[in-house]
């Protein structure tokens, strides 16, 4: 049963990857990348249950989830504001993105 779940996750990852490449807008691409991240951590967890030491894989899966969340927030901030500089801080110089 877990092998079938892993195969279904791989199929879902392939479909989401296609959406990330062909997405009409940048936000749909980011959403597809976030979905790919979620499916990847689920696949890591399933592989952990298929192996001899599931707790090691679950720890890796949790760390991957944290890194993926931080990466998604960072990319969204770059897309929305054009960088990582704080808009309200008068000491930071920022180039306007057109």
C-alpha atoms as a PDB file:
ATOM      1  CA  UNK A   1       0.000   0.000   0.000  1.00  0.00           C
ATOM      2  CA  UNK A   2       2.840   2.392   0.776  1.00  0.00           C
ATOM      3  CA  UNK A   3       4.403   1.679  -2.600  1.00  0.00           C
ATOM      4  CA  UNK A   4       1.163   2.730  -4.283  1.00  0.00           C
ATOM      5  CA  UNK A   5       1.136   5.904  -2.191  1.00  0.00           C
ATOM      6  CA  UNK A   6       4.715   6.690  -3.238  1.00  0.00           C
ATOM      7  CA  UNK A   7       3.804   6.159  -6.902  1.00  0.00           C
ATOM      8  CA  UNK A   8       0.777   8.437  -6.571  1.00  0.00           C
ATOM      9  CA  UNK A   9       2.932  11.110  -4.939  1.00  0.00           C
ATOM     10  CA  UNK A  10       5.458  10.873  -7.768  1.00  0.00           C
ATOM     11  CA  UNK A  11       2.675  11.271 -10.321  1.00  0.00           C
ATOM     12  CA  UNK A  12       1.321  14.278  -8.435  1.00  0.00           C
ATOM     13  CA  UNK A  13       4.805  15.772  -8.265  1.00  0.00           C
ATOM     14  CA  UNK A  14       5.172  15.413 -12.029  1.00  0.00           C
ATOM     15  CA  UNK A  15       1.847  17.159 -12.644  1.00  0.00           C
ATOM     16  CA  UNK A  16       2.671  19.977 -10.241  1.00  0.00           C
ATOM     17  CA  UNK A  17       6.068  20.404 -11.883  1.00  0.00           C
ATOM     18  CA  UNK A  18       4.347  20.838 -15.230  1.00  0.00           C
ATOM     19  CA  UNK A  19       2.108  23.495 -13.665  1.00  0.00           C
ATOM     20  CA  UNK A  20       5.147  25.248 -12.199  1.00  0.00           C
ATOM     21  CA  UNK A  21       6.775  25.418 -15.627  1.00  0.00           C
ATOM     22  CA  UNK A  22       3.674  26.374 -17.625  1.00  0.00           C
ATOM     23  CA  UNK A  23       1.915  28.533 -15.024  1.00  0.00           C
ATOM     24  CA  UNK A  24       0.444  31.680 -16.539  1.00  0.00           C
ATOM     25  CA  UNK A  25       1.356  33.897 -13.587  1.00  0.00           C
ATOM     26  CA  UNK A  26       4.209  34.027 -11.121  1.00  0.00           C
ATOM     27  CA  UNK A  27       1.871  33.424  -8.193  1.00  0.00           C
ATOM     28  CA  UNK A  28       0.557  30.199  -9.719  1.00  0.00           C
ATOM     29  CA  UNK A  29       4.146  29.087 -10.230  1.00  0.00           C
ATOM     30  CA  UNK A  30       4.963  29.833  -6.593  1.00  0.00           C
ATOM     31  CA  UNK A  31       1.857  27.945  -5.486  1.00  0.00           C
ATOM     32  CA  UNK A  32       2.903  24.983  -7.638  1.00  0.00           C
ATOM     33  CA  UNK A  33       6.407  25.074  -6.166  1.00  0.00           C
ATOM     34  CA  UNK A  34       4.936  25.103  -2.663  1.00  0.00           C
ATOM     35  CA  UNK A  35       2.728  22.151  -3.565  1.00  0.00           C
ATOM     36  CA  UNK A  36       5.777  20.331  -4.958  1.00  0.00           C
ATOM     37  CA  UNK A  37       7.510  21.011  -1.648  1.00  0.00           C
ATOM     38  CA  UNK A  38       4.596  19.504   0.278  1.00  0.00           C
ATOM     39  CA  UNK A  39       4.491  16.410  -1.911  1.00  0.00           C
ATOM     40  CA  UNK A  40       8.251  15.985  -1.540  1.00  0.00           C
ATOM     41  CA  UNK A  41       8.092  15.994   2.244  1.00  0.00           C
ATOM     42  CA  UNK A  42       5.220  13.500   2.113  1.00  0.00           C
ATOM     43  CA  UNK A  43       7.313  11.295  -0.166  1.00  0.00           C
ATOM     44  CA  UNK A  44      10.230  11.498   2.284  1.00  0.00           C
ATOM     45  CA  UNK A  45       7.876  10.425   5.084  1.00  0.00           C
ATOM     46  CA  UNK A  46       6.557   7.489   3.025  1.00  0.00           C
ATOM     47  CA  UNK A  47      10.113   6.409   2.196  1.00  0.00           C
ATOM     48  CA  UNK A  48      10.841   6.587   5.913  1.00  0.00           C
ATOM     49  CA  UNK A  49       7.981   4.216   6.682  1.00  0.00           C
ATOM     50  CA  UNK A  50       9.213   1.858   3.961  1.00  0.00           C
ATOM     51  CA  UNK A  51      12.736   1.816   5.432  1.00  0.00           C
ATOM     52  CA  UNK A  52      14.064   0.407   8.669  1.00  0.00           C
ATOM     53  CA  UNK A  53      14.321   3.735  10.526  1.00  0.00           C
ATOM     54  CA  UNK A  54      11.261   5.943   9.967  1.00  0.00           C
ATOM     55  CA  UNK A  55      12.133   8.451  12.691  1.00  0.00           C
ATOM     56  CA  UNK A  56      15.253   9.603  10.837  1.00  0.00           C
ATOM     57  CA  UNK A  57      13.284  10.273   7.689  1.00  0.00           C
ATOM     58  CA  UNK A  58      10.527  12.054   9.598  1.00  0.00           C
ATOM     59  CA  UNK A  59      13.115  14.412  11.087  1.00  0.00           C
ATOM     60  CA  UNK A  60      14.448  15.117   7.599  1.00  0.00           C
ATOM     61  CA  UNK A  61      10.882  15.665   6.405  1.00  0.00           C
ATOM     62  CA  UNK A  62      10.183  18.215   9.145  1.00  0.00           C
ATOM     63  CA  UNK A  63      13.370  20.124   8.385  1.00  0.00           C
ATOM     64  CA  UNK A  64      12.484  20.125   4.680  1.00  0.00           C
ATOM     65  CA  UNK A  65       9.059  21.541   5.546  1.00  0.00           C
ATOM     66  CA  UNK A  66      10.583  24.375   7.567  1.00  0.00           C
ATOM     67  CA  UNK A  67      13.108  25.242   4.869  1.00  0.00           C
ATOM     68  CA  UNK A  68      10.402  25.089   2.188  1.00  0.00           C
ATOM     69  CA  UNK A  69       8.121  27.418   4.119  1.00  0.00           C
ATOM     70  CA  UNK A  70      10.890  29.957   4.670  1.00  0.00           C
ATOM     71  CA  UNK A  71      11.842  29.753   0.994  1.00  0.00           C
ATOM     72  CA  UNK A  72       8.262  30.317  -0.131  1.00  0.00           C
ATOM     73  CA  UNK A  73       7.887  33.359   2.126  1.00  0.00           C
ATOM     74  CA  UNK A  74      11.204  34.757   0.862  1.00  0.00           C
ATOM     75  CA  UNK A  75      10.236  34.326  -2.791  1.00  0.00           C
ATOM     76  CA  UNK A  76       6.830  35.920  -2.206  1.00  0.00           C
ATOM     77  CA  UNK A  77       8.456  38.868  -0.477  1.00  0.00           C
ATOM     78  CA  UNK A  78      10.848  39.308  -3.412  1.00  0.00           C
ATOM     79  CA  UNK A  79       7.994  39.183  -5.891  1.00  0.00           C
ATOM     80  CA  UNK A  80       5.801  41.587  -3.952  1.00  0.00           C
ATOM     81  CA  UNK A  81       8.383  44.169  -2.879  1.00  0.00           C
ATOM     82  CA  UNK A  82      11.149  43.629  -5.387  1.00  0.00           C
ATOM     83  CA  UNK A  83      13.713  42.716  -2.740  1.00  0.00           C
ATOM     84  CA  UNK A  84      14.336  42.059   0.916  1.00  0.00           C
ATOM     85  CA  UNK A  85      14.869  45.628   2.069  1.00  0.00           C
ATOM     86  CA  UNK A  86      12.372  47.152   4.462  1.00  0.00           C
ATOM     87  CA  UNK A  87      10.181  49.773   2.802  1.00  0.00           C
ATOM     88  CA  UNK A  88       9.545  51.702   6.017  1.00  0.00           C
ATOM     89  CA  UNK A  89      13.201  52.067   7.000  1.00  0.00           C
ATOM     90  CA  UNK A  90      14.508  55.436   5.706  1.00  0.00           C
ATOM     91  CA  UNK A  91      18.150  54.300   6.078  1.00  0.00           C
ATOM     92  CA  UNK A  92      17.870  51.588   3.446  1.00  0.00           C
ATOM     93  CA  UNK A  93      18.388  52.527  -0.161  1.00  0.00           C
ATOM     94  CA  UNK A  94      16.135  50.815  -2.601  1.00  0.00           C
ATOM     95  CA  UNK A  95      15.926  50.909  -6.364  1.00  0.00           C
ATOM     96  CA  UNK A  96      12.451  51.159  -7.785  1.00  0.00           C
ATOM     97  CA  UNK A  97      11.436  48.152  -9.863  1.00  0.00           C
ATOM     98  CA  UNK A  98       9.473  49.048 -12.977  1.00  0.00           C
END
